[in-house]
Amino acid sequence: MDKISTAEMLQLRELMQMETNAVAKAKGTQALIKDDELLTLVKSGIQASEARIKSLQRFASERDMVSTMEVQ
């Protein structure tokens, strides 16, 4: 596997943090949503974000970056 640069590693970390924050916020506000269609959209967005997080974690794991990055 190709090594990634420090800048790329930092960008990956930032992207993972952004996705994680978005999921946390969406999950935290789900209970406040009254509109069924909007709730469906939010749940779909959460699932999509969680899938992206897993993909990013897999990418980091395949490159043995997990020991140098905190992945939750």
PDB file of N, CA and C in Angstrom:
ATOM      1  N   MET A   1       0.837  -1.182   0.000  1.00  0.00           N
ATOM      2  CA  MET A   1       0.000   0.000   0.000  1.00  0.00           C
ATOM      3  C   MET A   1       0.884   1.249   0.000  1.00  0.00           C
ATOM      4  N   ASP A   2       0.429   2.247  -0.687  1.00  0.00           N
ATOM      5  CA  ASP A   2       1.154   3.507  -0.722  1.00  0.00           C
ATOM      6  C   ASP A   2       1.070   4.217   0.623  1.00  0.00           C
ATOM      7  N   LYS A   3       2.168   4.824   1.001  1.00  0.00           N
ATOM      8  CA  LYS A   3       2.171   5.658   2.196  1.00  0.00           C
ATOM      9  C   LYS A   3       1.484   6.966   1.856  1.00  0.00           C
ATOM     10  N   ILE A   4       0.811   7.540   2.819  1.00  0.00           N
ATOM     11  CA  ILE A   4       0.221   8.843   2.572  1.00  0.00           C
ATOM     12  C   ILE A   4       1.032   9.894   3.315  1.00  0.00           C
ATOM     13  N   SER A   5       0.973  11.102   2.819  1.00  0.00           N
ATOM     14  CA  SER A   5       1.763  12.179   3.408  1.00  0.00           C
ATOM     15  C   SER A   5       1.136  12.635   4.721  1.00  0.00           C
ATOM     16  N   THR A   6       1.896  13.395   5.466  1.00  0.00           N
ATOM     17  CA  THR A   6       1.396  13.948   6.724  1.00  0.00           C
ATOM     18  C   THR A   6       0.193  14.844   6.463  1.00  0.00           C
ATOM     19  N   ALA A   7       0.258  15.637   5.403  1.00  0.00           N
ATOM     20  CA  ALA A   7      -0.866  16.516   5.063  1.00  0.00           C
ATOM     21  C   ALA A   7      -2.121  15.697   4.748  1.00  0.00           C
ATOM     22  N   GLU A   8      -1.938  14.597   4.033  1.00  0.00           N
ATOM     23  CA  GLU A   8      -3.079  13.731   3.721  1.00  0.00           C
ATOM     24  C   GLU A   8      -3.633  13.077   4.984  1.00  0.00           C
ATOM     25  N   MET A   9      -2.759  12.694   5.887  1.00  0.00           N
ATOM     26  CA  MET A   9      -3.189  12.098   7.146  1.00  0.00           C
ATOM     27  C   MET A   9      -4.007  13.100   7.960  1.00  0.00           C
ATOM     28  N   LEU A  10      -3.543  14.333   7.990  1.00  0.00           N
ATOM     29  CA  LEU A  10      -4.278  15.371   8.717  1.00  0.00           C
ATOM     30  C   LEU A  10      -5.631  15.632   8.059  1.00  0.00           C
ATOM     31  N   GLN A  11      -5.663  15.622   6.746  1.00  0.00           N
ATOM     32  CA  GLN A  11      -6.920  15.828   6.034  1.00  0.00           C
ATOM     33  C   GLN A  11      -7.894  14.684   6.314  1.00  0.00           C
ATOM     34  N   LEU A  12      -7.392  13.470   6.348  1.00  0.00           N
ATOM     35  CA  LEU A  12      -8.220  12.310   6.662  1.00  0.00           C
ATOM     36  C   LEU A  12      -8.788  12.427   8.075  1.00  0.00           C
ATOM     37  N   ARG A  13      -7.955  12.806   9.007  1.00  0.00           N
ATOM     38  CA  ARG A  13      -8.393  12.980  10.389  1.00  0.00           C
ATOM     39  C   ARG A  13      -9.491  14.034  10.478  1.00  0.00           C
ATOM     40  N   GLU A  14      -9.299  15.140   9.783  1.00  0.00           N
ATOM     41  CA  GLU A  14     -10.284  16.225   9.783  1.00  0.00           C
ATOM     42  C   GLU A  14     -11.606  15.773   9.160  1.00  0.00           C
ATOM     43  N   LEU A  15     -11.527  15.021   8.093  1.00  0.00           N
ATOM     44  CA  LEU A  15     -12.724  14.514   7.434  1.00  0.00           C
ATOM     45  C   LEU A  15     -13.485  13.559   8.345  1.00  0.00           C
ATOM     46  N   MET A  16     -12.755  12.695   9.036  1.00  0.00           N
ATOM     47  CA  MET A  16     -13.391  11.764   9.969  1.00  0.00           C
ATOM     48  C   MET A  16     -14.050  12.514  11.120  1.00  0.00           C
ATOM     49  N   GLN A  17     -13.385  13.555  11.605  1.00  0.00           N
ATOM     50  CA  GLN A  17     -13.945  14.344  12.704  1.00  0.00           C
ATOM     51  C   GLN A  17     -15.215  15.067  12.250  1.00  0.00           C
ATOM     52  N   MET A  18     -15.199  15.611  11.041  1.00  0.00           N
ATOM     53  CA  MET A  18     -16.364  16.299  10.499  1.00  0.00           C
ATOM     54  C   MET A  18     -17.554  15.348  10.382  1.00  0.00           C
ATOM     55  N   GLU A  19     -17.316  14.167   9.848  1.00  0.00           N
ATOM     56  CA  GLU A  19     -18.388  13.179   9.705  1.00  0.00           C
ATOM     57  C   GLU A  19     -18.919  12.738  11.075  1.00  0.00           C
ATOM     58  N   THR A  20     -18.003  12.513  12.012  1.00  0.00           N
ATOM     59  CA  THR A  20     -18.404  12.086  13.355  1.00  0.00           C
ATOM     60  C   THR A  20     -19.247  13.153  14.042  1.00  0.00           C
ATOM     61  N   ASN A  21     -18.842  14.407  13.913  1.00  0.00           N
ATOM     62  CA  ASN A  21     -19.613  15.502  14.500  1.00  0.00           C
ATOM     63  C   ASN A  21     -21.001  15.610  13.873  1.00  0.00           C
ATOM     64  N   ALA A  22     -21.079  15.442  12.568  1.00  0.00           N
ATOM     65  CA  ALA A  22     -22.367  15.520  11.875  1.00  0.00           C
ATOM     66  C   ALA A  22     -23.313  14.413  12.343  1.00  0.00           C
ATOM     67  N   VAL A  23     -22.787  13.207  12.505  1.00  0.00           N
ATOM     68  CA  VAL A  23     -23.616  12.091  12.980  1.00  0.00           C
ATOM     69  C   VAL A  23     -24.104  12.353  14.397  1.00  0.00           C
ATOM     70  N   ALA A  24     -23.214  12.819  15.251  1.00  0.00           N
ATOM     71  CA  ALA A  24     -23.599  13.090  16.641  1.00  0.00           C
ATOM     72  C   ALA A  24     -24.698  14.153  16.710  1.00  0.00           C
ATOM     73  N   LYS A  25     -24.561  15.190  15.931  1.00  0.00           N
ATOM     74  CA  LYS A  25     -25.559  16.259  15.931  1.00  0.00           C
ATOM     75  C   LYS A  25     -26.891  15.755  15.388  1.00  0.00           C
ATOM     76  N   ALA A  26     -26.857  15.005  14.293  1.00  0.00           N
ATOM     77  CA  ALA A  26     -28.092  14.484  13.700  1.00  0.00           C
ATOM     78  C   ALA A  26     -28.796  13.520  14.654  1.00  0.00           C
ATOM     79  N   LYS A  27     -28.024  12.662  15.298  1.00  0.00           N
ATOM     80  CA  LYS A  27     -28.630  11.719  16.244  1.00  0.00           C
ATOM     81  C   LYS A  27     -29.226  12.458  17.442  1.00  0.00           C
ATOM     82  N   GLY A  28     -28.541  13.509  17.865  1.00  0.00           N
ATOM     83  CA  GLY A  28     -29.012  14.273  19.018  1.00  0.00           C
ATOM     84  C   GLY A  28     -30.286  15.054  18.753  1.00  0.00           C
ATOM     85  N   THR A  29     -30.539  15.403  17.516  1.00  0.00           N
ATOM     86  CA  THR A  29     -31.719  16.203  17.198  1.00  0.00           C
ATOM     87  C   THR A  29     -32.869  15.387  16.606  1.00  0.00           C
ATOM     88  N   GLN A  30     -32.665  14.108  16.377  1.00  0.00           N
ATOM     89  CA  GLN A  30     -33.716  13.255  15.800  1.00  0.00           C
ATOM     90  C   GLN A  30     -35.028  13.341  16.567  1.00  0.00           C
ATOM     91  N   ALA A  31     -34.943  13.326  17.879  1.00  0.00           N
ATOM     92  CA  ALA A  31     -36.147  13.304  18.712  1.00  0.00           C
ATOM     93  C   ALA A  31     -36.977  14.584  18.571  1.00  0.00           C
ATOM     94  N   LEU A  32     -36.357  15.646  18.108  1.00  0.00           N
ATOM     95  CA  LEU A  32     -37.056  16.921  17.974  1.00  0.00           C
ATOM     96  C   LEU A  32     -37.801  17.056  16.647  1.00  0.00           C
ATOM     97  N   ILE A  33     -37.548  16.171  15.715  1.00  0.00           N
ATOM     98  CA  ILE A  33     -38.124  16.274  14.375  1.00  0.00           C
ATOM     99  C   ILE A  33     -39.526  15.664  14.360  1.00  0.00           C
ATOM    100  N   LYS A  34     -40.491  16.460  13.952  1.00  0.00           N
ATOM    101  CA  LYS A  34     -41.892  16.021  13.921  1.00  0.00           C
ATOM    102  C   LYS A  34     -42.317  15.544  12.527  1.00  0.00           C
ATOM    103  N   ASP A  35     -41.733  16.106  11.492  1.00  0.00           N
ATOM    104  CA  ASP A  35     -42.103  15.769  10.119  1.00  0.00           C
ATOM    105  C   ASP A  35     -41.526  14.417   9.724  1.00  0.00           C
ATOM    106  N   ASP A  36     -42.385  13.512   9.283  1.00  0.00           N
ATOM    107  CA  ASP A  36     -41.958  12.150   8.944  1.00  0.00           C
ATOM    108  C   ASP A  36     -40.964  12.117   7.784  1.00  0.00           C
ATOM    109  N   GLU A  37     -41.199  12.927   6.775  1.00  0.00           N
ATOM    110  CA  GLU A  37     -40.303  12.936   5.616  1.00  0.00           C
ATOM    111  C   GLU A  37     -38.918  13.460   6.002  1.00  0.00           C
ATOM    112  N   LEU A  38     -38.900  14.514   6.807  1.00  0.00           N
ATOM    113  CA  LEU A  38     -37.615  15.052   7.258  1.00  0.00           C
ATOM    114  C   LEU A  38     -36.887  14.042   8.136  1.00  0.00           C
ATOM    115  N   LEU A  39     -37.622  13.358   9.003  1.00  0.00           N
ATOM    116  CA  LEU A  39     -37.010  12.349   9.865  1.00  0.00           C
ATOM    117  C   LEU A  39     -36.399  11.222   9.031  1.00  0.00           C
ATOM    118  N   THR A  40     -37.099  10.823   7.994  1.00  0.00           N
ATOM    119  CA  THR A  40     -36.567   9.795   7.093  1.00  0.00           C
ATOM    120  C   THR A  40     -35.280  10.272   6.433  1.00  0.00           C
ATOM    121  N   LEU A  41     -35.258  11.518   5.995  1.00  0.00           N
ATOM    122  CA  LEU A  41     -34.056  12.088   5.376  1.00  0.00           C
ATOM    123  C   LEU A  41     -32.890  12.136   6.367  1.00  0.00           C
ATOM    124  N   VAL A  42     -33.172  12.525   7.594  1.00  0.00           N
ATOM    125  CA  VAL A  42     -32.128  12.603   8.615  1.00  0.00           C
ATOM    126  C   VAL A  42     -31.569  11.209   8.911  1.00  0.00           C
ATOM    127  N   LYS A  43     -32.451  10.231   9.056  1.00  0.00           N
ATOM    128  CA  LYS A  43     -31.994   8.863   9.319  1.00  0.00           C
ATOM    129  C   LYS A  43     -31.161   8.332   8.159  1.00  0.00           C
ATOM    130  N   SER A  44     -31.565   8.650   6.951  1.00  0.00           N
ATOM    131  CA  SER A  44     -30.807   8.239   5.770  1.00  0.00           C
ATOM    132  C   SER A  44     -29.433   8.912   5.755  1.00  0.00           C
ATOM    133  N   GLY A  45     -29.408  10.183   6.126  1.00  0.00           N
ATOM    134  CA  GLY A  45     -28.138  10.910   6.198  1.00  0.00           C
ATOM    135  C   GLY A  45     -27.211  10.334   7.251  1.00  0.00           C
ATOM    136  N   ILE A  46     -27.762   9.927   8.372  1.00  0.00           N
ATOM    137  CA  ILE A  46     -26.966   9.306   9.436  1.00  0.00           C
ATOM    138  C   ILE A  46     -26.350   8.006   8.931  1.00  0.00           C
ATOM    139  N   GLN A  47     -27.145   7.191   8.267  1.00  0.00           N
ATOM    140  CA  GLN A  47     -26.633   5.922   7.744  1.00  0.00           C
ATOM    141  C   GLN A  47     -25.526   6.154   6.718  1.00  0.00           C
ATOM    142  N   ALA A  48     -25.719   7.143   5.861  1.00  0.00           N
ATOM    143  CA  ALA A  48     -24.706   7.446   4.842  1.00  0.00           C
ATOM    144  C   ALA A  48     -23.408   7.935   5.496  1.00  0.00           C
ATOM    145  N   SER A  49     -23.533   8.785   6.501  1.00  0.00           N
ATOM    146  CA  SER A  49     -22.347   9.292   7.199  1.00  0.00           C
ATOM    147  C   SER A  49     -21.620   8.173   7.929  1.00  0.00           C
ATOM    148  N   GLU A  50     -22.385   7.282   8.568  1.00  0.00           N
ATOM    149  CA  GLU A  50     -21.764   6.158   9.265  1.00  0.00           C
ATOM    150  C   GLU A  50     -21.028   5.251   8.286  1.00  0.00           C
ATOM    151  N   ALA A  51     -21.584   5.073   7.105  1.00  0.00           N
ATOM    152  CA  ALA A  51     -20.910   4.259   6.078  1.00  0.00           C
ATOM    153  C   ALA A  51     -19.612   4.930   5.628  1.00  0.00           C
ATOM    154  N   ARG A  52     -19.636   6.257   5.477  1.00  0.00           N
ATOM    155  CA  ARG A  52     -18.408   6.973   5.087  1.00  0.00           C
ATOM    156  C   ARG A  52     -17.356   6.870   6.187  1.00  0.00           C
ATOM    157  N   ILE A  53     -17.777   6.966   7.441  1.00  0.00           N
ATOM    158  CA  ILE A  53     -16.841   6.841   8.561  1.00  0.00           C
ATOM    159  C   ILE A  53     -16.191   5.461   8.546  1.00  0.00           C
ATOM    160  N   LYS A  54     -16.981   4.427   8.342  1.00  0.00           N
ATOM    161  CA  LYS A  54     -16.434   3.061   8.288  1.00  0.00           C
ATOM    162  C   LYS A  54     -15.441   2.914   7.140  1.00  0.00           C
ATOM    163  N   SER A  55     -15.753   3.521   6.008  1.00  0.00           N
ATOM    164  CA  SER A  55     -14.830   3.465   4.868  1.00  0.00           C
ATOM    165  C   SER A  55     -13.517   4.172   5.186  1.00  0.00           C
ATOM    166  N   LEU A  56     -13.612   5.312   5.836  1.00  0.00           N
ATOM    167  CA  LEU A  56     -12.404   6.050   6.216  1.00  0.00           C
ATOM    168  C   LEU A  56     -11.595   5.263   7.246  1.00  0.00           C
ATOM    169  N   GLN A  57     -12.279   4.626   8.184  1.00  0.00           N
ATOM    170  CA  GLN A  57     -11.590   3.809   9.178  1.00  0.00           C
ATOM    171  C   GLN A  57     -10.892   2.627   8.512  1.00  0.00           C
ATOM    172  N   ARG A  58     -11.563   2.017   7.561  1.00  0.00           N
ATOM    173  CA  ARG A  58     -10.976   0.890   6.838  1.00  0.00           C
ATOM    174  C   ARG A  58      -9.736   1.347   6.061  1.00  0.00           C
ATOM    175  N   PHE A  59      -9.835   2.501   5.422  1.00  0.00           N
ATOM    176  CA  PHE A  59      -8.710   3.075   4.687  1.00  0.00           C
ATOM    177  C   PHE A  59      -7.519   3.279   5.630  1.00  0.00           C
ATOM    178  N   ALA A  60      -7.780   3.859   6.802  1.00  0.00           N
ATOM    179  CA  ALA A  60      -6.718   4.105   7.775  1.00  0.00           C
ATOM    180  C   ALA A  60      -6.131   2.797   8.295  1.00  0.00           C
ATOM    181  N   SER A  61      -6.997   1.830   8.546  1.00  0.00           N
ATOM    182  CA  SER A  61      -6.548   0.541   9.052  1.00  0.00           C
ATOM    183  C   SER A  61      -5.671  -0.192   8.040  1.00  0.00           C
ATOM    184  N   GLU A  62      -6.062  -0.146   6.778  1.00  0.00           N
ATOM    185  CA  GLU A  62      -5.295  -0.816   5.734  1.00  0.00           C
ATOM    186  C   GLU A  62      -3.903  -0.218   5.565  1.00  0.00           C
ATOM    187  N   ARG A  63      -3.744   1.003   5.956  1.00  0.00           N
ATOM    188  CA  ARG A  63      -2.453   1.674   5.829  1.00  0.00           C
ATOM    189  C   ARG A  63      -1.732   1.759   7.179  1.00  0.00           C
ATOM    190  N   ASP A  64      -2.174   0.963   8.135  1.00  0.00           N
ATOM    191  CA  ASP A  64      -1.581   0.934   9.482  1.00  0.00           C
ATOM    192  C   ASP A  64      -1.486   2.316  10.098  1.00  0.00           C
ATOM    193  N   MET A  65      -2.514   3.117   9.900  1.00  0.00           N
ATOM    194  CA  MET A  65      -2.543   4.460  10.460  1.00  0.00           C
ATOM    195  C   MET A  65      -3.286   4.495  11.784  1.00  0.00           C
ATOM    196  N   VAL A  66      -3.938   3.430  12.138  1.00  0.00           N
ATOM    197  CA  VAL A  66      -4.783   3.427  13.335  1.00  0.00           C
ATOM    198  C   VAL A  66      -3.950   3.724  14.575  1.00  0.00           C
ATOM    199  N   SER A  67      -2.733   3.242  14.628  1.00  0.00           N
ATOM    200  CA  SER A  67      -1.909   3.486  15.801  1.00  0.00           C
ATOM    201  C   SER A  67      -1.478   4.945  15.900  1.00  0.00           C
ATOM    202  N   THR A  68      -1.511   5.680  14.783  1.00  0.00           N
ATOM    203  CA  THR A  68      -1.115   7.078  14.813  1.00  0.00           C
ATOM    204  C   THR A  68      -2.295   8.029  14.804  1.00  0.00           C
ATOM    205  N   MET A  69      -3.496   7.493  14.608  1.00  0.00           N
ATOM    206  CA  MET A  69      -4.703   8.311  14.603  1.00  0.00           C
ATOM    207  C   MET A  69      -5.680   7.751  15.614  1.00  0.00           C
ATOM    208  N   GLU A  70      -6.436   8.623  16.272  1.00  0.00           N
ATOM    209  CA  GLU A  70      -7.486   8.155  17.140  1.00  0.00           C
ATOM    210  C   GLU A  70      -8.734   8.008  16.310  1.00  0.00           C
ATOM    211  N   VAL A  71      -9.198   6.773  16.147  1.00  0.00           N
ATOM    212  CA  VAL A  71     -10.384   6.485  15.361  1.00  0.00           C
ATOM    213  C   VAL A  71     -11.436   5.905  16.291  1.00  0.00           C
ATOM    214  N   GLN A  72     -12.596   6.534  16.326  1.00  0.00           N
ATOM    215  CA  GLN A  72     -13.650   6.049  17.211  1.00  0.00           C
ATOM    216  C   GLN A  72     -14.769   5.465  16.428  1.00  0.00           C
TER     217      GLN A  72
END
